[in-house]
Amino acid sequence: MGQGRHAAPNATVHKVRRAAAVVLAAGALVSTGGMSAFADGLGTIPLSGQANTDQDGEQNLNCGNSAHLIRLNVAKTTHREKDCVDTDGHTHRHSRHLDGAQAVGGTVLGPQVNTAQTGKQNLNCGNSADLITVNVAGTINEETTCAAVDRGDGQDHGHGGYVGGSKALGGTSAGQQVNTAQTGKQNLNCGNSSNTVTLNVLGTIRKHTTCIAADHSHGSGPAAVHRGPASADAGQVVGIEKNTAQNGRQNQACGHRGDGIDLPLGQIKRETRCIVQDNSASDSGGPVPL
């Protein structure tokens, strides 16, 4: 993880700075009229960033993630619960790319998230890449659960040999950029924060993320599959940059707080659990050495 090395156009940077100045004024809002004026100001600002996802394989989950330019909660309780569960293999996707999953970013004012997954039971869940979060005298509860469980007979009809890998390539973003590539089996990237600024004034923020990947299939499975490598590279970034590439099996990148700034004038609590278990007889292989 590191600071972006490239700059976006000056006009784009000016818009982001202007948005930040407006949001940081939230602490001064004490009247109904002030809140109304502030809401009107937000009406001209795009509130969501850009997310690009490509998957190739089975039971790969990308769920409960957020990438917003601005998140505002004033004197209310916001509860977000997201459950992504696959216990029957219904999540099975094929990339349109011949050489594995590829997620390539474009150009966006705000955060950008690019996720590419190839293989089985790779989870990318409960991650946040919000530029500015403001919670004033309110409560934000977020709970994300991702579970990929294979209880089947292991009769995978795939063939041995070589298949593509995964590639996440950032574009241009005036905001943080998160690029994640996972190739193989049961690689977890969950509950991580790439937020830039979190301002919590007399409020409570709770975030709980659970990721579980379990393979109990007992059949013979297919011949060994050798997959291409995972690669994650940033493009042009103004802000925090996070690139994660996981190859093979049961790699975990979970619960990282990131390099953002927390202004905890209230309570901020984050909890992440990552669990993997592989009792299968099949061998889905790992990346082929370059």
C-alpha atoms as a PDB file:
ATOM      1  CA  MET A   1       0.000   0.000   0.000  1.00  0.00           C
ATOM      2  CA  GLY A   2       1.288   3.442  -0.768  1.00  0.00           C
ATOM      3  CA  GLN A   3       0.444   6.875  -1.944  1.00  0.00           C
ATOM      4  CA  GLY A   4      -0.425   7.246  -5.613  1.00  0.00           C
ATOM      5  CA  ARG A   5       2.474   8.294  -7.730  1.00  0.00           C
ATOM      6  CA  HIS A   6       0.576  10.044 -10.491  1.00  0.00           C
ATOM      7  CA  ALA A   7      -1.676  13.068 -10.633  1.00  0.00           C
ATOM      8  CA  ALA A   8      -5.093  13.433 -12.226  1.00  0.00           C
ATOM      9  CA  PRO A   9      -6.074  16.660 -14.034  1.00  0.00           C
ATOM     10  CA  ASN A  10      -6.086  19.794 -11.857  1.00  0.00           C
ATOM     11  CA  ALA A  11      -9.766  20.468 -12.482  1.00  0.00           C
ATOM     12  CA  THR A  12     -10.677  17.044 -11.078  1.00  0.00           C
ATOM     13  CA  VAL A  13      -8.517  17.552  -8.010  1.00  0.00           C
ATOM     14  CA  HIS A  14     -10.167  20.928  -7.411  1.00  0.00           C
ATOM     15  CA  LYS A  15     -13.621  19.305  -7.409  1.00  0.00           C
ATOM     16  CA  VAL A  16     -12.539  16.718  -4.843  1.00  0.00           C
ATOM     17  CA  ARG A  17     -11.051  19.376  -2.576  1.00  0.00           C
ATOM     18  CA  ARG A  18     -14.239  21.401  -2.882  1.00  0.00           C
ATOM     19  CA  ALA A  19     -16.318  18.367  -1.926  1.00  0.00           C
ATOM     20  CA  ALA A  20     -14.074  17.695   1.078  1.00  0.00           C
ATOM     21  CA  ALA A  21     -14.429  21.278   2.297  1.00  0.00           C
ATOM     22  CA  VAL A  22     -18.205  21.054   2.128  1.00  0.00           C
ATOM     23  CA  VAL A  23     -18.350  17.779   4.050  1.00  0.00           C
ATOM     24  CA  LEU A  24     -15.959  18.800   6.804  1.00  0.00           C
ATOM     25  CA  ALA A  25     -18.284  21.686   7.574  1.00  0.00           C
ATOM     26  CA  ALA A  26     -20.862  19.169   8.801  1.00  0.00           C
ATOM     27  CA  GLY A  27     -19.794  19.553  12.419  1.00  0.00           C
ATOM     28  CA  ALA A  28     -21.056  23.137  12.398  1.00  0.00           C
ATOM     29  CA  LEU A  29     -24.605  22.152  11.448  1.00  0.00           C
ATOM     30  CA  VAL A  30     -26.949  22.592  14.419  1.00  0.00           C
ATOM     31  CA  SER A  31     -30.215  23.761  12.893  1.00  0.00           C
ATOM     32  CA  THR A  32     -32.743  22.233  10.519  1.00  0.00           C
ATOM     33  CA  GLY A  33     -32.106  25.009   8.041  1.00  0.00           C
ATOM     34  CA  GLY A  34     -28.375  24.306   8.102  1.00  0.00           C
ATOM     35  CA  MET A  35     -28.918  20.613   7.415  1.00  0.00           C
ATOM     36  CA  SER A  36     -31.228  21.423   4.527  1.00  0.00           C
ATOM     37  CA  ALA A  37     -28.665  23.763   2.972  1.00  0.00           C
ATOM     38  CA  PHE A  38     -25.968  21.151   3.394  1.00  0.00           C
ATOM     39  CA  ALA A  39     -28.125  18.503   1.711  1.00  0.00           C
ATOM     40  CA  ASP A  40     -28.702  20.869  -1.204  1.00  0.00           C
ATOM     41  CA  GLY A  41     -24.942  21.261  -1.546  1.00  0.00           C
ATOM     42  CA  LEU A  42     -24.514  17.496  -1.740  1.00  0.00           C
ATOM     43  CA  GLY A  43     -27.007  17.334  -4.594  1.00  0.00           C
ATOM     44  CA  THR A  44     -24.388  18.477  -7.099  1.00  0.00           C
ATOM     45  CA  ILE A  45     -21.757  15.918  -6.026  1.00  0.00           C
ATOM     46  CA  PRO A  46     -21.638  12.296  -7.273  1.00  0.00           C
ATOM     47  CA  LEU A  47     -21.924  10.058  -4.218  1.00  0.00           C
ATOM     48  CA  SER A  48     -20.633   6.777  -5.614  1.00  0.00           C
ATOM     49  CA  GLY A  49     -17.285   5.767  -6.989  1.00  0.00           C
ATOM     50  CA  GLN A  50     -16.587   3.109  -9.607  1.00  0.00           C
ATOM     51  CA  ALA A  51     -16.470  -0.658  -9.117  1.00  0.00           C
ATOM     52  CA  ASN A  52     -15.348  -3.113 -11.813  1.00  0.00           C
ATOM     53  CA  THR A  53     -15.551  -6.871 -11.207  1.00  0.00           C
ATOM     54  CA  ASP A  54     -14.731  -9.927 -13.318  1.00  0.00           C
ATOM     55  CA  GLN A  55     -14.945 -13.523 -12.124  1.00  0.00           C
ATOM     56  CA  ASP A  56     -14.041 -16.898 -13.602  1.00  0.00           C
ATOM     57  CA  GLY A  57     -14.781 -20.063 -11.660  1.00  0.00           C
ATOM     58  CA  GLU A  58     -17.122 -21.200  -8.906  1.00  0.00           C
ATOM     59  CA  GLN A  59     -18.193 -19.847  -5.537  1.00  0.00           C
ATOM     60  CA  ASN A  60     -16.130 -16.676  -5.896  1.00  0.00           C
ATOM     61  CA  LEU A  61     -17.859 -13.945  -3.866  1.00  0.00           C
ATOM     62  CA  ASN A  62     -17.469 -10.167  -4.119  1.00  0.00           C
ATOM     63  CA  CYS A  63     -19.950  -8.751  -1.664  1.00  0.00           C
ATOM     64  CA  GLY A  64     -20.740  -5.989   0.832  1.00  0.00           C
ATOM     65  CA  ASN A  65     -18.041  -3.603  -0.332  1.00  0.00           C
ATOM     66  CA  SER A  66     -18.425   0.180  -0.483  1.00  0.00           C
ATOM     67  CA  ALA A  67     -16.765   2.877  -2.586  1.00  0.00           C
ATOM     68  CA  HIS A  68     -18.378   6.253  -2.039  1.00  0.00           C
ATOM     69  CA  LEU A  69     -17.224   9.793  -2.517  1.00  0.00           C
ATOM     70  CA  ILE A  70     -19.254  10.943   0.494  1.00  0.00           C
ATOM     71  CA  ARG A  71     -21.126   9.071   3.235  1.00  0.00           C
ATOM     72  CA  LEU A  72     -23.153  11.283   5.564  1.00  0.00           C
ATOM     73  CA  ASN A  73     -25.141  10.224   8.624  1.00  0.00           C
ATOM     74  CA  VAL A  74     -26.589  12.910  10.921  1.00  0.00           C
ATOM     75  CA  ALA A  75     -28.552  12.114  14.102  1.00  0.00           C
ATOM     76  CA  LYS A  76     -29.985   8.802  12.901  1.00  0.00           C
ATOM     77  CA  THR A  77     -29.281   5.078  12.936  1.00  0.00           C
ATOM     78  CA  THR A  78     -28.163   3.474   9.690  1.00  0.00           C
ATOM     79  CA  HIS A  79     -28.027  -0.318   9.564  1.00  0.00           C
ATOM     80  CA  ARG A  80     -26.635  -2.178   6.587  1.00  0.00           C
ATOM     81  CA  GLU A  81     -26.595  -5.972   6.559  1.00  0.00           C
ATOM     82  CA  LYS A  82     -25.326  -7.928   3.573  1.00  0.00           C
ATOM     83  CA  ASP A  83     -25.259 -11.728   3.407  1.00  0.00           C
ATOM     84  CA  CYS A  84     -23.728 -13.575   0.461  1.00  0.00           C
ATOM     85  CA  VAL A  85     -23.965 -17.323   0.924  1.00  0.00           C
ATOM     86  CA  ASP A  86     -23.310 -20.102  -1.596  1.00  0.00           C
ATOM     87  CA  THR A  87     -23.777 -23.636  -0.309  1.00  0.00           C
ATOM     88  CA  ASP A  88     -24.930 -25.230  -3.556  1.00  0.00           C
ATOM     89  CA  GLY A  89     -22.512 -23.935  -6.194  1.00  0.00           C
ATOM     90  CA  HIS A  90     -24.973 -21.525  -7.806  1.00  0.00           C
ATOM     91  CA  THR A  91     -22.267 -18.850  -8.136  1.00  0.00           C
ATOM     92  CA  HIS A  92     -20.478 -20.033 -11.267  1.00  0.00           C
ATOM     93  CA  ARG A  93     -19.288 -17.484 -13.787  1.00  0.00           C
ATOM     94  CA  HIS A  94     -17.103 -17.478 -16.867  1.00  0.00           C
ATOM     95  CA  SER A  95     -15.088 -14.443 -17.839  1.00  0.00           C
ATOM     96  CA  ARG A  96     -15.424 -13.158 -21.367  1.00  0.00           C
ATOM     97  CA  HIS A  97     -11.637 -12.956 -21.443  1.00  0.00           C
ATOM     98  CA  LEU A  98      -9.815 -16.022 -22.714  1.00  0.00           C
ATOM     99  CA  ASP A  99      -6.889 -15.565 -20.324  1.00  0.00           C
ATOM    100  CA  GLY A 100      -8.826 -15.450 -17.069  1.00  0.00           C
ATOM    101  CA  ALA A 101     -10.639 -12.720 -15.168  1.00  0.00           C
ATOM    102  CA  GLN A 102      -9.681  -9.131 -15.910  1.00  0.00           C
ATOM    103  CA  ALA A 103     -11.011  -5.992 -14.204  1.00  0.00           C
ATOM    104  CA  VAL A 104      -9.791  -2.747 -15.755  1.00  0.00           C
ATOM    105  CA  GLY A 105     -10.694   0.662 -14.353  1.00  0.00           C
ATOM    106  CA  GLY A 106     -11.801   3.700 -16.287  1.00  0.00           C
ATOM    107  CA  THR A 107     -11.803   7.351 -15.225  1.00  0.00           C
ATOM    108  CA  VAL A 108     -13.764   8.475 -12.163  1.00  0.00           C
ATOM    109  CA  LEU A 109     -14.125  11.404  -9.772  1.00  0.00           C
ATOM    110  CA  GLY A 110     -13.877   9.535  -6.503  1.00  0.00           C
ATOM    111  CA  PRO A 111     -12.822   6.049  -5.381  1.00  0.00           C
ATOM    112  CA  GLN A 112     -12.218   3.180  -7.805  1.00  0.00           C
ATOM    113  CA  VAL A 113     -12.317  -0.543  -6.979  1.00  0.00           C
ATOM    114  CA  ASN A 114     -11.223  -3.233  -9.468  1.00  0.00           C
ATOM    115  CA  THR A 115     -11.621  -6.916  -8.551  1.00  0.00           C
ATOM    116  CA  ALA A 116     -10.629  -9.989 -10.592  1.00  0.00           C
ATOM    117  CA  GLN A 117     -11.154 -13.534  -9.270  1.00  0.00           C
ATOM    118  CA  THR A 118     -10.226 -16.844 -10.929  1.00  0.00           C
ATOM    119  CA  GLY A 119     -10.646 -20.238  -9.289  1.00  0.00           C
ATOM    120  CA  LYS A 120     -12.829 -21.438  -6.435  1.00  0.00           C
ATOM    121  CA  GLN A 121     -14.042 -19.913  -3.179  1.00  0.00           C
ATOM    122  CA  ASN A 122     -12.071 -16.692  -3.434  1.00  0.00           C
ATOM    123  CA  LEU A 123     -13.776 -14.065  -1.264  1.00  0.00           C
ATOM    124  CA  ASN A 124     -13.531 -10.280  -1.455  1.00  0.00           C
ATOM    125  CA  CYS A 125     -16.068  -8.962   1.039  1.00  0.00           C
ATOM    126  CA  GLY A 126     -16.780  -6.207   3.548  1.00  0.00           C
ATOM    127  CA  ASN A 127     -14.066  -3.867   2.296  1.00  0.00           C
ATOM    128  CA  SER A 128     -14.514  -0.096   2.284  1.00  0.00           C
ATOM    129  CA  ALA A 129     -12.934   2.554   0.073  1.00  0.00           C
ATOM    130  CA  ASP A 130     -14.941   5.645   0.988  1.00  0.00           C
ATOM    131  CA  LEU A 131     -13.339   9.021   0.404  1.00  0.00           C
ATOM    132  CA  ILE A 132     -15.124  10.894   3.219  1.00  0.00           C
ATOM    133  CA  THR A 133     -17.379   9.502   5.970  1.00  0.00           C
ATOM    134  CA  VAL A 134     -19.140  11.876   8.375  1.00  0.00           C
ATOM    135  CA  ASN A 135     -21.212  10.595  11.307  1.00  0.00           C
ATOM    136  CA  VAL A 136     -22.633  13.291  13.588  1.00  0.00           C
ATOM    137  CA  ALA A 137     -24.570  12.167  16.703  1.00  0.00           C
ATOM    138  CA  GLY A 138     -25.724   9.039  14.896  1.00  0.00           C
ATOM    139  CA  THR A 139     -25.049   5.320  14.634  1.00  0.00           C
ATOM    140  CA  ILE A 140     -23.737   3.372  11.667  1.00  0.00           C
ATOM    141  CA  ASN A 141     -23.917  -0.432  11.896  1.00  0.00           C
ATOM    142  CA  GLU A 142     -22.511  -2.514   9.056  1.00  0.00           C
ATOM    143  CA  GLU A 143     -22.480  -6.303   9.012  1.00  0.00           C
ATOM    144  CA  THR A 144     -21.214  -8.366   6.079  1.00  0.00           C
ATOM    145  CA  THR A 145     -21.181 -12.163   5.931  1.00  0.00           C
ATOM    146  CA  CYS A 146     -19.656 -14.105   3.047  1.00  0.00           C
ATOM    147  CA  ALA A 147     -19.788 -17.900   3.132  1.00  0.00           C
ATOM    148  CA  ALA A 148     -18.826 -20.290   0.342  1.00  0.00           C
ATOM    149  CA  VAL A 149     -19.397 -23.911   1.351  1.00  0.00           C
ATOM    150  CA  ASP A 150     -19.110 -26.960  -0.892  1.00  0.00           C
ATOM    151  CA  ARG A 151     -20.794 -30.049   0.558  1.00  0.00           C
ATOM    152  CA  GLY A 152     -21.100 -31.798  -2.804  1.00  0.00           C
ATOM    153  CA  ASP A 153     -19.618 -34.988  -4.187  1.00  0.00           C
ATOM    154  CA  GLY A 154     -16.668 -33.213  -5.765  1.00  0.00           C
ATOM    155  CA  GLN A 155     -17.573 -34.269  -9.280  1.00  0.00           C
ATOM    156  CA  ASP A 156     -16.091 -31.298 -11.059  1.00  0.00           C
ATOM    157  CA  HIS A 157     -16.349 -31.816 -14.785  1.00  0.00           C
ATOM    158  CA  GLY A 158     -13.455 -29.496 -15.577  1.00  0.00           C
ATOM    159  CA  HIS A 159     -10.321 -30.703 -17.284  1.00  0.00           C
ATOM    160  CA  GLY A 160      -6.702 -30.632 -16.187  1.00  0.00           C
ATOM    161  CA  GLY A 161      -4.194 -28.352 -17.810  1.00  0.00           C
ATOM    162  CA  TYR A 162      -3.668 -24.589 -17.876  1.00  0.00           C
ATOM    163  CA  VAL A 163      -6.318 -21.874 -17.524  1.00  0.00           C
ATOM    164  CA  GLY A 164      -6.015 -18.122 -17.193  1.00  0.00           C
ATOM    165  CA  GLY A 165      -5.122 -16.140 -14.113  1.00  0.00           C
ATOM    166  CA  SER A 166      -6.539 -12.858 -12.807  1.00  0.00           C
ATOM    167  CA  LYS A 167      -5.617  -9.259 -13.492  1.00  0.00           C
ATOM    168  CA  ALA A 168      -6.815  -6.051 -11.801  1.00  0.00           C
ATOM    169  CA  LEU A 169      -5.572  -2.871 -13.449  1.00  0.00           C
ATOM    170  CA  GLY A 170      -6.450   0.572 -12.164  1.00  0.00           C
ATOM    171  CA  GLY A 171      -7.529   3.441 -14.359  1.00  0.00           C
ATOM    172  CA  THR A 172      -7.597   7.117 -13.387  1.00  0.00           C
ATOM    173  CA  SER A 173      -9.190   8.117 -10.081  1.00  0.00           C
ATOM    174  CA  ALA A 174      -9.344  11.342  -8.082  1.00  0.00           C
ATOM    175  CA  GLY A 175      -9.720   9.362  -4.906  1.00  0.00           C
ATOM    176  CA  GLN A 176      -8.297   6.167  -3.497  1.00  0.00           C
ATOM    177  CA  GLN A 177      -7.840   3.135  -5.711  1.00  0.00           C
ATOM    178  CA  VAL A 178      -8.142  -0.510  -4.637  1.00  0.00           C
ATOM    179  CA  ASN A 179      -7.053  -3.266  -7.028  1.00  0.00           C
ATOM    180  CA  THR A 180      -7.491  -6.906  -5.994  1.00  0.00           C
ATOM    181  CA  ALA A 181      -6.612 -10.045  -7.976  1.00  0.00           C
ATOM    182  CA  GLN A 182      -7.135 -13.574  -6.654  1.00  0.00           C
ATOM    183  CA  THR A 183      -6.080 -16.765  -8.463  1.00  0.00           C
ATOM    184  CA  GLY A 184      -6.486 -20.228  -6.961  1.00  0.00           C
ATOM    185  CA  LYS A 185      -8.636 -21.428  -4.099  1.00  0.00           C
ATOM    186  CA  GLN A 186      -9.881 -20.015  -0.814  1.00  0.00           C
ATOM    187  CA  ASN A 187      -8.002 -16.734  -0.962  1.00  0.00           C
ATOM    188  CA  LEU A 188      -9.663 -14.210   1.357  1.00  0.00           C
ATOM    189  CA  ASN A 189      -9.520 -10.421   1.200  1.00  0.00           C
ATOM    190  CA  CYS A 190     -12.081  -9.198   3.716  1.00  0.00           C
ATOM    191  CA  GLY A 191     -12.856  -6.434   6.193  1.00  0.00           C
ATOM    192  CA  ASN A 192     -10.140  -4.068   5.006  1.00  0.00           C
ATOM    193  CA  SER A 193     -10.350  -0.281   5.095  1.00  0.00           C
ATOM    194  CA  SER A 194      -8.991   2.051   2.444  1.00  0.00           C
ATOM    195  CA  ASN A 195     -11.068   4.994   3.642  1.00  0.00           C
ATOM    196  CA  THR A 196      -9.418   8.386   3.384  1.00  0.00           C
ATOM    197  CA  VAL A 197     -11.108  10.386   6.170  1.00  0.00           C
ATOM    198  CA  THR A 198     -13.612   9.242   8.814  1.00  0.00           C
ATOM    199  CA  LEU A 199     -15.106  11.959  11.041  1.00  0.00           C
ATOM    200  CA  ASN A 200     -17.171  10.603  13.918  1.00  0.00           C
ATOM    201  CA  VAL A 201     -18.641  13.283  16.217  1.00  0.00           C
ATOM    202  CA  LEU A 202     -20.522  12.035  19.304  1.00  0.00           C
ATOM    203  CA  GLY A 203     -21.606   8.953  17.371  1.00  0.00           C
ATOM    204  CA  THR A 204     -20.906   5.252  16.979  1.00  0.00           C
ATOM    205  CA  ILE A 205     -19.556   3.342  13.984  1.00  0.00           C
ATOM    206  CA  ARG A 206     -19.506  -0.467  14.129  1.00  0.00           C
ATOM    207  CA  LYS A 207     -18.331  -2.711  11.340  1.00  0.00           C
ATOM    208  CA  HIS A 208     -18.321  -6.514  11.517  1.00  0.00           C
ATOM    209  CA  THR A 209     -17.148  -8.752   8.661  1.00  0.00           C
ATOM    210  CA  THR A 210     -17.124 -12.558   8.516  1.00  0.00           C
ATOM    211  CA  CYS A 211     -15.640 -14.557   5.626  1.00  0.00           C
ATOM    212  CA  ILE A 212     -15.834 -18.357   5.530  1.00  0.00           C
ATOM    213  CA  ALA A 213     -14.593 -20.658   2.760  1.00  0.00           C
ATOM    214  CA  ALA A 214     -15.078 -24.389   3.347  1.00  0.00           C
ATOM    215  CA  ASP A 215     -14.747 -27.267   0.896  1.00  0.00           C
ATOM    216  CA  HIS A 216     -16.009 -30.621   2.183  1.00  0.00           C
ATOM    217  CA  SER A 217     -16.467 -32.255  -1.220  1.00  0.00           C
ATOM    218  CA  HIS A 218     -15.275 -35.857  -1.159  1.00  0.00           C
ATOM    219  CA  GLY A 219     -15.230 -36.988  -4.772  1.00  0.00           C
ATOM    220  CA  SER A 220     -12.146 -37.616  -6.815  1.00  0.00           C
ATOM    221  CA  GLY A 221     -12.353 -34.275  -8.578  1.00  0.00           C
ATOM    222  CA  PRO A 222     -10.678 -33.325 -11.841  1.00  0.00           C
ATOM    223  CA  ALA A 223      -7.084 -33.601 -12.909  1.00  0.00           C
ATOM    224  CA  ALA A 224      -4.814 -30.895 -11.536  1.00  0.00           C
ATOM    225  CA  VAL A 225      -5.454 -27.450 -12.963  1.00  0.00           C
ATOM    226  CA  HIS A 226      -2.603 -24.978 -13.301  1.00  0.00           C
ATOM    227  CA  ARG A 227      -3.725 -21.374 -13.284  1.00  0.00           C
ATOM    228  CA  GLY A 228      -2.062 -18.230 -14.480  1.00  0.00           C
ATOM    229  CA  PRO A 229      -0.732 -15.714 -11.951  1.00  0.00           C
ATOM    230  CA  ALA A 230      -2.625 -12.930 -10.184  1.00  0.00           C
ATOM    231  CA  SER A 231      -1.531  -9.352 -10.781  1.00  0.00           C
ATOM    232  CA  ALA A 232      -2.821  -6.077  -9.312  1.00  0.00           C
ATOM    233  CA  ASP A 233      -1.463  -2.743 -10.506  1.00  0.00           C
ATOM    234  CA  ALA A 234      -2.541   0.847  -9.965  1.00  0.00           C
ATOM    235  CA  GLY A 235      -3.122   3.394 -12.687  1.00  0.00           C
ATOM    236  CA  GLN A 236      -3.178   7.137 -12.104  1.00  0.00           C
ATOM    237  CA  VAL A 237      -4.166   7.863  -8.518  1.00  0.00           C
ATOM    238  CA  VAL A 238      -4.751  10.924  -6.375  1.00  0.00           C
ATOM    239  CA  GLY A 239      -4.966   9.469  -2.877  1.00  0.00           C
ATOM    240  CA  ILE A 240      -4.446   6.136  -1.164  1.00  0.00           C
ATOM    241  CA  GLU A 241      -3.480   3.158  -3.310  1.00  0.00           C
ATOM    242  CA  LYS A 242      -3.920  -0.495  -2.301  1.00  0.00           C
ATOM    243  CA  ASN A 243      -2.945  -3.392  -4.551  1.00  0.00           C
ATOM    244  CA  THR A 244      -3.457  -7.003  -3.468  1.00  0.00           C
ATOM    245  CA  ALA A 245      -2.529 -10.087  -5.524  1.00  0.00           C
ATOM    246  CA  GLN A 246      -3.080 -13.549  -4.072  1.00  0.00           C
ATOM    247  CA  ASN A 247      -1.848 -16.739  -5.764  1.00  0.00           C
ATOM    248  CA  GLY A 248      -2.445 -20.315  -4.697  1.00  0.00           C
ATOM    249  CA  ARG A 249      -4.489 -21.413  -1.707  1.00  0.00           C
ATOM    250  CA  GLN A 250      -5.745 -19.999   1.557  1.00  0.00           C
ATOM    251  CA  ASN A 251      -3.954 -16.671   1.431  1.00  0.00           C
ATOM    252  CA  GLN A 252      -5.577 -14.153   3.757  1.00  0.00           C
ATOM    253  CA  ALA A 253      -5.534 -10.369   3.815  1.00  0.00           C
ATOM    254  CA  CYS A 254      -8.132  -9.449   6.409  1.00  0.00           C
ATOM    255  CA  GLY A 255      -8.930  -6.665   8.861  1.00  0.00           C
ATOM    256  CA  HIS A 256      -6.340  -4.124   7.767  1.00  0.00           C
ATOM    257  CA  ARG A 257      -7.168  -0.581   8.910  1.00  0.00           C
ATOM    258  CA  GLY A 258      -5.292   1.147   6.112  1.00  0.00           C
ATOM    259  CA  ASP A 259      -3.547   4.498   5.960  1.00  0.00           C
ATOM    260  CA  GLY A 260      -6.626   6.692   6.242  1.00  0.00           C
ATOM    261  CA  ILE A 261      -7.327   9.252   8.947  1.00  0.00           C
ATOM    262  CA  ASP A 262      -9.797   8.530  11.759  1.00  0.00           C
ATOM    263  CA  LEU A 263     -11.061  11.481  13.790  1.00  0.00           C
ATOM    264  CA  PRO A 264     -12.705   9.469  16.585  1.00  0.00           C
ATOM    265  CA  LEU A 265     -14.708  11.974  18.590  1.00  0.00           C
ATOM    266  CA  GLY A 266     -17.012   9.032  19.241  1.00  0.00           C
ATOM    267  CA  GLN A 267     -16.685   5.236  19.092  1.00  0.00           C
ATOM    268  CA  ILE A 268     -15.312   3.362  16.070  1.00  0.00           C
ATOM    269  CA  LYS A 269     -15.180  -0.425  16.297  1.00  0.00           C
ATOM    270  CA  ARG A 270     -14.089  -2.820  13.544  1.00  0.00           C
ATOM    271  CA  GLU A 271     -14.050  -6.616  13.795  1.00  0.00           C
ATOM    272  CA  THR A 272     -13.093  -9.121  11.085  1.00  0.00           C
ATOM    273  CA  ARG A 273     -13.079 -12.941  11.054  1.00  0.00           C
ATOM    274  CA  CYS A 274     -11.579 -14.976   8.198  1.00  0.00           C
ATOM    275  CA  ILE A 275     -11.907 -18.776   8.224  1.00  0.00           C
ATOM    276  CA  VAL A 276     -10.777 -21.332   5.625  1.00  0.00           C
ATOM    277  CA  GLN A 277     -11.096 -25.115   5.626  1.00  0.00           C
ATOM    278  CA  ASP A 278     -10.307 -27.550   2.815  1.00  0.00           C
ATOM    279  CA  ASN A 279     -11.138 -31.231   3.298  1.00  0.00           C
ATOM    280  CA  SER A 280     -11.673 -31.919  -0.383  1.00  0.00           C
ATOM    281  CA  ALA A 281     -10.022 -34.640  -2.433  1.00  0.00           C
ATOM    282  CA  SER A 282      -9.681 -32.518  -5.536  1.00  0.00           C
ATOM    283  CA  ASP A 283      -6.705 -30.425  -6.542  1.00  0.00           C
ATOM    284  CA  SER A 284      -7.498 -27.134  -8.196  1.00  0.00           C
ATOM    285  CA  GLY A 285      -3.808 -26.324  -8.503  1.00  0.00           C
ATOM    286  CA  GLY A 286      -1.918 -23.089  -8.163  1.00  0.00           C
ATOM    287  CA  PRO A 287      -0.250 -20.602 -10.426  1.00  0.00           C
ATOM    288  CA  VAL A 288       2.267 -21.689 -12.994  1.00  0.00           C
ATOM    289  CA  PRO A 289       5.718 -20.237 -12.256  1.00  0.00           C
ATOM    290  CA  LEU A 290       6.721 -17.546 -14.725  1.00  0.00           C
END
